[in-house]
Amino acid sequence: MTRHKVSLEEFHRMVEAGVFPEDSRLELVEGDLVEMSPIGKRHAAKVAKLTALFGPLVPQKAILFVQSPLVVGNSELYPDLALLKPRPDFYEERLPEAQDALLVVEVAETSLRHDLGVKVPLYASAGVPEVWVVDLEGGQVLVHREPKGEGYREVRTLGPGDTLAFMGVEIPVEVLL
């Protein structure tokens, strides 16, 4: 069996040409097209809650990207939430890239292994300064800070009773679980 890698440019041309159905949930991970699993109601509710909590930061302190593309090296990922550096055009002129990200949040209901084993190392390699992985099944939030190589120097596990804080927004962990 022969596999063909797809570049970011080829992926964008295919999307623009309508090769994929409009409701496709695809990520480009290091040249491979990966179909993302459907979002369940619990997952969706947590993303909506995060969106509401971070909403007041927009547009002066950050731009909120929800389940939207983020170019990470040779990949195009769709984090559940990304806080991006402010831009007057809200990234209409170009897709945001890893260096534009202030924070990336992945909500994992069924995707924990993929998020931790594939996406977090890609975020680290590209220099995303902080990544939260909300582990709904494990009842914890894994906070990754200070990227180095394919990992992070600081990884903290937070649970109920702990508080997440970013850019003045404080979130009790239990609110996300």
N, C-alpha and C. Protein backbone atom coordinates (compact mmCIF):
# COMPACT_ATOMS: atom_id res chain seq x y z
N MET A 1 0.85 -1.17 0.00
CA MET A 1 0.00 0.00 0.00
C MET A 1 0.90 1.24 0.00
N THR A 2 0.55 2.21 -0.84
CA THR A 2 1.32 3.45 -0.94
C THR A 2 0.56 4.56 -0.23
N ARG A 3 1.30 5.31 0.61
CA ARG A 3 0.71 6.46 1.28
C ARG A 3 1.28 7.72 0.65
N HIS A 4 0.45 8.71 0.52
CA HIS A 4 0.88 9.99 -0.02
C HIS A 4 0.70 11.06 1.05
N LYS A 5 1.77 11.76 1.33
CA LYS A 5 1.71 12.86 2.28
C LYS A 5 1.11 14.08 1.58
N VAL A 6 0.38 14.88 2.35
CA VAL A 6 -0.25 16.08 1.83
C VAL A 6 0.40 17.28 2.50
N SER A 7 0.77 18.27 1.71
CA SER A 7 1.35 19.49 2.27
C SER A 7 0.22 20.43 2.71
N LEU A 8 0.58 21.43 3.49
CA LEU A 8 -0.40 22.44 3.89
C LEU A 8 -1.02 23.12 2.67
N GLU A 9 -0.19 23.45 1.69
CA GLU A 9 -0.68 24.11 0.49
C GLU A 9 -1.67 23.21 -0.26
N GLU A 10 -1.32 21.93 -0.41
CA GLU A 10 -2.22 20.99 -1.10
C GLU A 10 -3.53 20.84 -0.33
N PHE A 11 -3.43 20.76 0.99
CA PHE A 11 -4.62 20.64 1.83
C PHE A 11 -5.53 21.86 1.63
N HIS A 12 -4.96 23.06 1.65
CA HIS A 12 -5.75 24.27 1.47
C HIS A 12 -6.39 24.33 0.09
N ARG A 13 -5.65 23.90 -0.94
CA ARG A 13 -6.23 23.86 -2.29
C ARG A 13 -7.39 22.88 -2.36
N MET A 14 -7.26 21.72 -1.70
CA MET A 14 -8.34 20.73 -1.70
C MET A 14 -9.58 21.28 -0.99
N VAL A 15 -9.37 21.97 0.14
CA VAL A 15 -10.49 22.56 0.87
C VAL A 15 -11.18 23.60 0.00
N GLU A 16 -10.39 24.49 -0.62
CA GLU A 16 -10.95 25.55 -1.47
C GLU A 16 -11.67 24.98 -2.69
N ALA A 17 -11.21 23.83 -3.20
CA ALA A 17 -11.84 23.20 -4.36
C ALA A 17 -13.08 22.39 -3.99
N GLY A 18 -13.36 22.29 -2.69
CA GLY A 18 -14.55 21.54 -2.26
C GLY A 18 -14.39 20.04 -2.31
N VAL A 19 -13.16 19.56 -2.21
CA VAL A 19 -12.90 18.12 -2.26
C VAL A 19 -13.56 17.39 -1.08
N PHE A 20 -13.60 18.05 0.06
CA PHE A 20 -14.17 17.44 1.27
C PHE A 20 -15.56 18.01 1.51
N PRO A 21 -16.48 17.18 2.01
CA PRO A 21 -17.79 17.73 2.39
C PRO A 21 -17.63 18.85 3.42
N GLU A 22 -18.52 19.83 3.35
CA GLU A 22 -18.41 21.01 4.21
C GLU A 22 -18.41 20.67 5.70
N ASP A 23 -19.07 19.59 6.07
CA ASP A 23 -19.15 19.22 7.49
C ASP A 23 -18.05 18.25 7.91
N SER A 24 -17.04 18.07 7.06
CA SER A 24 -15.92 17.19 7.42
C SER A 24 -15.16 17.77 8.59
N ARG A 25 -14.71 16.90 9.47
CA ARG A 25 -13.89 17.32 10.61
C ARG A 25 -12.51 16.69 10.41
N LEU A 26 -11.67 17.40 9.65
CA LEU A 26 -10.34 16.88 9.32
C LEU A 26 -9.26 17.78 9.89
N GLU A 27 -8.17 17.15 10.32
CA GLU A 27 -6.95 17.85 10.69
C GLU A 27 -5.84 17.31 9.80
N LEU A 28 -4.89 18.17 9.50
CA LEU A 28 -3.69 17.73 8.79
C LEU A 28 -2.59 17.61 9.83
N VAL A 29 -2.17 16.37 10.08
CA VAL A 29 -1.17 16.10 11.11
C VAL A 29 0.08 15.55 10.43
N GLU A 30 1.09 16.45 10.31
CA GLU A 30 2.37 16.06 9.71
C GLU A 30 2.17 15.36 8.37
N GLY A 31 1.29 15.90 7.52
CA GLY A 31 1.07 15.37 6.18
C GLY A 31 -0.03 14.34 6.07
N ASP A 32 -0.54 13.86 7.19
CA ASP A 32 -1.62 12.86 7.17
C ASP A 32 -2.95 13.53 7.47
N LEU A 33 -3.98 13.20 6.69
CA LEU A 33 -5.33 13.67 6.97
C LEU A 33 -5.93 12.78 8.04
N VAL A 34 -6.36 13.39 9.13
CA VAL A 34 -6.91 12.64 10.25
C VAL A 34 -8.34 13.11 10.49
N GLU A 35 -9.27 12.16 10.48
CA GLU A 35 -10.66 12.50 10.75
C GLU A 35 -10.86 12.58 12.26
N MET A 36 -11.40 13.71 12.70
CA MET A 36 -11.64 13.90 14.13
C MET A 36 -12.98 13.29 14.49
N SER A 37 -13.07 12.81 15.71
CA SER A 37 -14.32 12.20 16.16
C SER A 37 -15.38 13.28 16.37
N PRO A 38 -16.66 12.90 16.28
CA PRO A 38 -17.74 13.86 16.51
C PRO A 38 -17.67 14.40 17.94
N ILE A 39 -18.21 15.59 18.12
CA ILE A 39 -18.20 16.22 19.44
C ILE A 39 -19.48 15.86 20.17
N GLY A 40 -19.33 15.31 21.38
CA GLY A 40 -20.48 14.97 22.21
C GLY A 40 -20.99 16.18 22.97
N LYS A 41 -22.15 16.05 23.60
CA LYS A 41 -22.77 17.19 24.28
C LYS A 41 -21.95 17.67 25.47
N ARG A 42 -21.32 16.74 26.20
CA ARG A 42 -20.50 17.13 27.35
C ARG A 42 -19.28 17.94 26.90
N HIS A 43 -18.63 17.45 25.86
CA HIS A 43 -17.48 18.14 25.27
C HIS A 43 -17.90 19.54 24.79
N ALA A 44 -18.99 19.60 24.05
CA ALA A 44 -19.48 20.87 23.51
C ALA A 44 -19.79 21.86 24.63
N ALA A 45 -20.40 21.37 25.71
CA ALA A 45 -20.75 22.24 26.83
C ALA A 45 -19.51 22.83 27.49
N LYS A 46 -18.46 22.04 27.63
CA LYS A 46 -17.22 22.54 28.24
C LYS A 46 -16.55 23.59 27.35
N VAL A 47 -16.58 23.38 26.04
CA VAL A 47 -16.02 24.37 25.11
C VAL A 47 -16.84 25.66 25.18
N ALA A 48 -18.16 25.53 25.25
CA ALA A 48 -19.02 26.72 25.37
C ALA A 48 -18.73 27.47 26.67
N LYS A 49 -18.52 26.74 27.74
CA LYS A 49 -18.21 27.38 29.03
C LYS A 49 -16.88 28.12 28.96
N LEU A 50 -15.86 27.49 28.39
CA LEU A 50 -14.56 28.15 28.23
C LEU A 50 -14.69 29.41 27.37
N THR A 51 -15.47 29.32 26.31
CA THR A 51 -15.68 30.45 25.43
C THR A 51 -16.31 31.61 26.19
N ALA A 52 -17.30 31.33 27.00
CA ALA A 52 -17.95 32.38 27.79
C ALA A 52 -17.00 32.98 28.81
N LEU A 53 -16.18 32.14 29.45
CA LEU A 53 -15.26 32.63 30.47
C LEU A 53 -14.15 33.51 29.88
N PHE A 54 -13.66 33.15 28.70
CA PHE A 54 -12.58 33.92 28.08
C PHE A 54 -13.10 35.06 27.20
N GLY A 55 -14.38 35.07 26.91
CA GLY A 55 -14.96 36.10 26.04
C GLY A 55 -14.61 37.53 26.40
N PRO A 56 -14.60 37.91 27.69
CA PRO A 56 -14.29 39.30 28.04
C PRO A 56 -12.89 39.77 27.61
N LEU A 57 -11.99 38.85 27.28
CA LEU A 57 -10.65 39.25 26.85
C LEU A 57 -10.62 39.79 25.43
N VAL A 58 -11.68 39.50 24.67
CA VAL A 58 -11.74 39.84 23.25
C VAL A 58 -12.27 41.27 23.09
N PRO A 59 -11.77 42.09 22.20
CA PRO A 59 -10.63 41.91 21.33
C PRO A 59 -9.36 42.59 21.85
N GLN A 60 -9.42 43.27 23.01
CA GLN A 60 -8.26 44.04 23.46
C GLN A 60 -7.07 43.18 23.86
N LYS A 61 -7.31 42.09 24.59
CA LYS A 61 -6.20 41.28 25.11
C LYS A 61 -5.93 40.03 24.29
N ALA A 62 -6.94 39.50 23.63
CA ALA A 62 -6.78 38.26 22.87
C ALA A 62 -7.93 38.10 21.89
N ILE A 63 -7.73 37.25 20.92
CA ILE A 63 -8.78 36.84 20.00
C ILE A 63 -9.07 35.38 20.30
N LEU A 64 -10.32 35.08 20.43
CA LEU A 64 -10.78 33.75 20.79
C LEU A 64 -11.10 32.97 19.52
N PHE A 65 -10.40 31.86 19.29
CA PHE A 65 -10.65 30.98 18.16
C PHE A 65 -11.21 29.68 18.73
N VAL A 66 -12.40 29.31 18.33
CA VAL A 66 -13.06 28.12 18.85
C VAL A 66 -13.18 27.08 17.74
N GLN A 67 -12.53 25.94 17.94
CA GLN A 67 -12.55 24.83 16.99
C GLN A 67 -12.27 25.34 15.57
N SER A 68 -11.25 26.18 15.47
CA SER A 68 -10.85 26.79 14.21
C SER A 68 -9.39 26.48 13.94
N PRO A 69 -8.95 26.63 12.68
CA PRO A 69 -7.61 26.19 12.30
C PRO A 69 -6.48 26.98 12.95
N LEU A 70 -5.44 26.24 13.30
CA LEU A 70 -4.20 26.80 13.82
C LEU A 70 -3.07 26.06 13.11
N VAL A 71 -2.24 26.79 12.37
CA VAL A 71 -1.11 26.17 11.66
C VAL A 71 0.00 25.95 12.67
N VAL A 72 0.40 24.68 12.79
CA VAL A 72 1.41 24.26 13.76
C VAL A 72 2.48 23.49 12.99
N GLY A 73 3.56 24.19 12.63
CA GLY A 73 4.58 23.55 11.81
C GLY A 73 3.99 23.19 10.46
N ASN A 74 4.08 21.90 10.09
CA ASN A 74 3.52 21.41 8.83
C ASN A 74 2.13 20.84 9.00
N SER A 75 1.51 21.14 10.13
CA SER A 75 0.18 20.61 10.45
C SER A 75 -0.84 21.75 10.53
N GLU A 76 -2.09 21.39 10.34
CA GLU A 76 -3.18 22.32 10.59
C GLU A 76 -4.11 21.63 11.57
N LEU A 77 -4.07 22.10 12.81
CA LEU A 77 -4.84 21.49 13.89
C LEU A 77 -6.05 22.36 14.21
N TYR A 78 -7.01 21.76 14.84
CA TYR A 78 -8.24 22.46 15.24
C TYR A 78 -8.42 22.30 16.75
N PRO A 79 -7.68 23.09 17.52
CA PRO A 79 -7.85 22.99 18.97
C PRO A 79 -9.27 23.41 19.35
N ASP A 80 -9.73 22.89 20.49
CA ASP A 80 -11.07 23.27 20.92
C ASP A 80 -11.17 24.76 21.18
N LEU A 81 -10.10 25.32 21.70
CA LEU A 81 -10.08 26.76 21.96
C LEU A 81 -8.64 27.24 21.88
N ALA A 82 -8.46 28.40 21.27
CA ALA A 82 -7.14 29.03 21.25
C ALA A 82 -7.33 30.51 21.54
N LEU A 83 -6.52 31.04 22.42
CA LEU A 83 -6.44 32.48 22.62
C LEU A 83 -5.25 32.96 21.81
N LEU A 84 -5.50 33.91 20.92
CA LEU A 84 -4.49 34.38 19.99
C LEU A 84 -4.13 35.83 20.27
N LYS A 85 -2.93 36.21 19.85
CA LYS A 85 -2.52 37.61 19.94
C LYS A 85 -3.50 38.45 19.13
N PRO A 86 -3.88 39.62 19.65
CA PRO A 86 -4.83 40.45 18.93
C PRO A 86 -4.29 40.92 17.58
N ARG A 87 -5.17 40.99 16.61
CA ARG A 87 -4.88 41.54 15.28
C ARG A 87 -6.12 42.28 14.81
N PRO A 88 -5.95 43.42 14.17
CA PRO A 88 -7.11 44.18 13.71
C PRO A 88 -8.00 43.39 12.74
N ASP A 89 -7.40 42.50 11.94
CA ASP A 89 -8.17 41.75 10.94
C ASP A 89 -8.73 40.44 11.47
N PHE A 90 -8.51 40.15 12.75
CA PHE A 90 -9.00 38.90 13.36
C PHE A 90 -8.56 37.66 12.55
N TYR A 91 -7.38 37.74 11.96
CA TYR A 91 -6.78 36.64 11.19
C TYR A 91 -7.53 36.33 9.90
N GLU A 92 -8.13 37.36 9.31
CA GLU A 92 -8.79 37.17 8.02
C GLU A 92 -7.78 37.07 6.89
N GLU A 93 -6.66 37.78 7.02
CA GLU A 93 -5.65 37.81 5.96
C GLU A 93 -4.82 36.54 5.88
N ARG A 94 -4.65 35.88 7.02
CA ARG A 94 -3.89 34.62 7.05
C ARG A 94 -4.35 33.81 8.26
N LEU A 95 -4.19 32.51 8.17
CA LEU A 95 -4.53 31.66 9.32
C LEU A 95 -3.55 31.93 10.45
N PRO A 96 -4.03 31.83 11.68
CA PRO A 96 -3.09 31.98 12.79
C PRO A 96 -2.11 30.81 12.82
N GLU A 97 -0.91 31.12 13.29
CA GLU A 97 0.14 30.11 13.41
C GLU A 97 0.51 29.96 14.87
N ALA A 98 1.29 28.95 15.17
CA ALA A 98 1.66 28.64 16.56
C ALA A 98 2.20 29.86 17.29
N GLN A 99 3.01 30.68 16.62
CA GLN A 99 3.60 31.84 17.29
C GLN A 99 2.55 32.91 17.63
N ASP A 100 1.35 32.80 17.08
CA ASP A 100 0.26 33.72 17.39
C ASP A 100 -0.52 33.28 18.63
N ALA A 101 -0.33 32.03 19.04
CA ALA A 101 -1.11 31.47 20.15
C ALA A 101 -0.56 31.91 21.50
N LEU A 102 -1.45 32.30 22.37
CA LEU A 102 -1.11 32.59 23.76
C LEU A 102 -1.42 31.37 24.63
N LEU A 103 -2.53 30.70 24.31
CA LEU A 103 -3.00 29.53 25.04
C LEU A 103 -3.78 28.65 24.08
N VAL A 104 -3.59 27.35 24.19
CA VAL A 104 -4.39 26.37 23.45
C VAL A 104 -5.03 25.44 24.47
N VAL A 105 -6.32 25.14 24.25
CA VAL A 105 -7.03 24.22 25.14
C VAL A 105 -7.63 23.09 24.30
N GLU A 106 -7.35 21.88 24.71
CA GLU A 106 -7.95 20.68 24.12
C GLU A 106 -8.86 20.05 25.17
N VAL A 107 -10.10 19.78 24.81
CA VAL A 107 -11.02 19.08 25.70
C VAL A 107 -11.07 17.64 25.22
N ALA A 108 -10.70 16.72 26.12
CA ALA A 108 -10.59 15.30 25.74
C ALA A 108 -11.66 14.47 26.44
N GLU A 109 -12.60 14.00 25.65
CA GLU A 109 -13.57 13.04 26.18
C GLU A 109 -13.20 11.64 25.72
N THR A 110 -12.84 11.53 24.43
CA THR A 110 -12.41 10.24 23.88
C THR A 110 -11.04 10.35 23.20
N SER A 111 -10.44 11.54 23.21
CA SER A 111 -9.24 11.80 22.42
C SER A 111 -7.98 12.01 23.25
N LEU A 112 -7.99 11.63 24.53
CA LEU A 112 -6.86 11.95 25.41
C LEU A 112 -5.54 11.44 24.86
N ARG A 113 -5.50 10.20 24.43
CA ARG A 113 -4.25 9.63 23.91
C ARG A 113 -3.72 10.42 22.72
N HIS A 114 -4.60 10.77 21.82
CA HIS A 114 -4.21 11.54 20.63
C HIS A 114 -3.76 12.94 21.04
N ASP A 115 -4.51 13.57 21.93
CA ASP A 115 -4.16 14.92 22.35
C ASP A 115 -2.79 14.96 23.02
N LEU A 116 -2.54 14.02 23.93
CA LEU A 116 -1.27 14.01 24.67
C LEU A 116 -0.11 13.45 23.84
N GLY A 117 -0.39 12.45 23.01
CA GLY A 117 0.67 11.78 22.28
C GLY A 117 1.03 12.40 20.95
N VAL A 118 0.09 13.13 20.36
CA VAL A 118 0.32 13.71 19.03
C VAL A 118 0.27 15.24 19.07
N LYS A 119 -0.84 15.78 19.55
CA LYS A 119 -1.03 17.22 19.45
C LYS A 119 -0.14 18.02 20.41
N VAL A 120 -0.04 17.61 21.67
CA VAL A 120 0.79 18.37 22.62
C VAL A 120 2.25 18.42 22.15
N PRO A 121 2.85 17.32 21.69
CA PRO A 121 4.23 17.43 21.19
C PRO A 121 4.36 18.37 19.98
N LEU A 122 3.34 18.41 19.11
CA LEU A 122 3.38 19.33 17.98
C LEU A 122 3.30 20.78 18.46
N TYR A 123 2.42 21.03 19.44
CA TYR A 123 2.32 22.38 20.00
C TYR A 123 3.66 22.79 20.64
N ALA A 124 4.27 21.87 21.38
CA ALA A 124 5.55 22.18 22.03
C ALA A 124 6.63 22.48 20.98
N SER A 125 6.74 21.63 19.97
CA SER A 125 7.76 21.82 18.92
C SER A 125 7.61 23.17 18.23
N ALA A 126 6.37 23.62 18.09
CA ALA A 126 6.10 24.87 17.40
C ALA A 126 6.18 26.08 18.34
N GLY A 127 6.36 25.84 19.64
CA GLY A 127 6.54 26.93 20.59
C GLY A 127 5.29 27.51 21.20
N VAL A 128 4.17 26.79 21.16
CA VAL A 128 2.96 27.28 21.84
C VAL A 128 3.27 27.34 23.33
N PRO A 129 3.15 28.52 23.95
CA PRO A 129 3.65 28.69 25.31
C PRO A 129 2.87 27.95 26.40
N GLU A 130 1.58 27.74 26.19
CA GLU A 130 0.80 27.06 27.23
C GLU A 130 -0.33 26.26 26.58
N VAL A 131 -0.49 25.02 27.05
CA VAL A 131 -1.54 24.13 26.55
C VAL A 131 -2.23 23.50 27.75
N TRP A 132 -3.56 23.55 27.75
CA TRP A 132 -4.35 22.85 28.76
C TRP A 132 -5.05 21.69 28.07
N VAL A 133 -4.99 20.51 28.68
CA VAL A 133 -5.75 19.37 28.20
C VAL A 133 -6.75 19.02 29.30
N VAL A 134 -8.02 19.24 29.01
CA VAL A 134 -9.09 18.96 29.96
C VAL A 134 -9.49 17.50 29.77
N ASP A 135 -9.13 16.66 30.72
CA ASP A 135 -9.39 15.21 30.68
C ASP A 135 -10.72 14.95 31.38
N LEU A 136 -11.79 14.89 30.59
CA LEU A 136 -13.13 14.73 31.18
C LEU A 136 -13.28 13.38 31.88
N GLU A 137 -12.75 12.33 31.31
CA GLU A 137 -12.88 10.99 31.90
C GLU A 137 -12.03 10.85 33.16
N GLY A 138 -10.85 11.45 33.17
CA GLY A 138 -9.94 11.35 34.31
C GLY A 138 -10.22 12.38 35.40
N GLY A 139 -11.09 13.35 35.11
CA GLY A 139 -11.43 14.36 36.10
C GLY A 139 -10.26 15.25 36.48
N GLN A 140 -9.47 15.66 35.47
CA GLN A 140 -8.30 16.48 35.74
C GLN A 140 -7.99 17.37 34.54
N VAL A 141 -7.17 18.39 34.79
CA VAL A 141 -6.69 19.24 33.72
C VAL A 141 -5.16 19.19 33.77
N LEU A 142 -4.56 18.88 32.63
CA LEU A 142 -3.10 18.82 32.52
C LEU A 142 -2.63 20.14 31.90
N VAL A 143 -1.85 20.88 32.67
CA VAL A 143 -1.37 22.19 32.24
C VAL A 143 0.08 22.06 31.81
N HIS A 144 0.36 22.43 30.56
CA HIS A 144 1.70 22.35 29.98
C HIS A 144 2.21 23.75 29.75
N ARG A 145 3.41 24.05 30.28
CA ARG A 145 4.02 25.38 30.12
C ARG A 145 5.50 25.23 29.79
N GLU A 146 6.05 26.24 29.17
CA GLU A 146 7.47 26.33 28.84
C GLU A 146 7.90 25.23 27.86
N PRO A 147 7.53 25.42 26.58
CA PRO A 147 7.88 24.41 25.58
C PRO A 147 9.39 24.23 25.44
N LYS A 148 9.78 22.98 25.28
CA LYS A 148 11.19 22.63 25.01
C LYS A 148 11.19 21.37 24.17
N GLY A 149 11.65 21.48 22.93
CA GLY A 149 11.65 20.33 22.04
C GLY A 149 10.22 19.89 21.79
N GLU A 150 9.98 18.60 21.96
CA GLU A 150 8.64 18.04 21.74
C GLU A 150 7.87 17.91 23.04
N GLY A 151 8.31 18.60 24.08
CA GLY A 151 7.62 18.52 25.36
C GLY A 151 7.58 19.88 26.04
N TYR A 152 7.18 19.85 27.28
CA TYR A 152 7.09 21.05 28.09
C TYR A 152 7.87 20.84 29.37
N ARG A 153 8.58 21.88 29.79
CA ARG A 153 9.36 21.80 31.03
C ARG A 153 8.47 21.65 32.25
N GLU A 154 7.34 22.34 32.23
CA GLU A 154 6.42 22.28 33.36
C GLU A 154 5.12 21.61 32.94
N VAL A 155 4.76 20.54 33.63
CA VAL A 155 3.48 19.87 33.41
C VAL A 155 2.86 19.67 34.79
N ARG A 156 1.70 20.27 34.98
CA ARG A 156 1.00 20.15 36.26
C ARG A 156 -0.34 19.48 36.05
N THR A 157 -0.72 18.65 36.99
CA THR A 157 -2.03 18.01 36.97
C THR A 157 -2.89 18.67 38.02
N LEU A 158 -3.99 19.26 37.59
CA LEU A 158 -4.90 19.94 38.50
C LEU A 158 -6.23 19.20 38.57
N GLY A 159 -6.83 19.21 39.74
CA GLY A 159 -8.11 18.56 39.93
C GLY A 159 -9.08 19.45 40.67
N PRO A 160 -10.23 18.89 41.05
CA PRO A 160 -11.20 19.68 41.81
C PRO A 160 -10.54 20.32 43.03
N GLY A 161 -10.90 21.57 43.28
CA GLY A 161 -10.29 22.32 44.37
C GLY A 161 -9.16 23.22 43.90
N ASP A 162 -8.60 22.93 42.71
CA ASP A 162 -7.56 23.77 42.13
C ASP A 162 -8.20 24.83 41.23
N THR A 163 -7.42 25.86 40.91
CA THR A 163 -7.91 26.94 40.05
C THR A 163 -6.93 27.17 38.91
N LEU A 164 -7.46 27.27 37.70
CA LEU A 164 -6.69 27.65 36.52
C LEU A 164 -6.73 29.17 36.41
N ALA A 165 -5.65 29.75 35.96
CA ALA A 165 -5.63 31.20 35.77
C ALA A 165 -4.85 31.53 34.51
N PHE A 166 -5.43 32.46 33.72
CA PHE A 166 -4.75 32.91 32.51
C PHE A 166 -5.26 34.30 32.17
N MET A 167 -4.34 35.24 32.04
CA MET A 167 -4.65 36.62 31.66
C MET A 167 -5.77 37.22 32.52
N GLY A 168 -5.73 36.93 33.80
CA GLY A 168 -6.70 37.51 34.72
C GLY A 168 -8.01 36.75 34.83
N VAL A 169 -8.18 35.70 34.04
CA VAL A 169 -9.39 34.87 34.13
C VAL A 169 -9.07 33.70 35.03
N GLU A 170 -9.86 33.54 36.10
CA GLU A 170 -9.68 32.41 37.01
C GLU A 170 -10.82 31.44 36.85
N ILE A 171 -10.48 30.16 36.72
CA ILE A 171 -11.48 29.12 36.46
C ILE A 171 -11.26 27.99 37.45
N PRO A 172 -12.24 27.75 38.34
CA PRO A 172 -12.14 26.56 39.21
C PRO A 172 -12.16 25.31 38.32
N VAL A 173 -11.23 24.40 38.56
CA VAL A 173 -11.11 23.21 37.71
C VAL A 173 -12.42 22.43 37.62
N GLU A 174 -13.17 22.34 38.72
CA GLU A 174 -14.40 21.55 38.71
C GLU A 174 -15.43 22.10 37.72
N VAL A 175 -15.32 23.38 37.36
CA VAL A 175 -16.23 23.97 36.37
C VAL A 175 -16.03 23.32 35.00
N LEU A 176 -14.83 22.81 34.75
CA LEU A 176 -14.52 22.22 33.44
C LEU A 176 -14.67 20.70 33.40
N LEU A 177 -14.94 20.09 34.54
CA LEU A 177 -14.98 18.62 34.58
C LEU A 177 -16.37 18.02 34.57
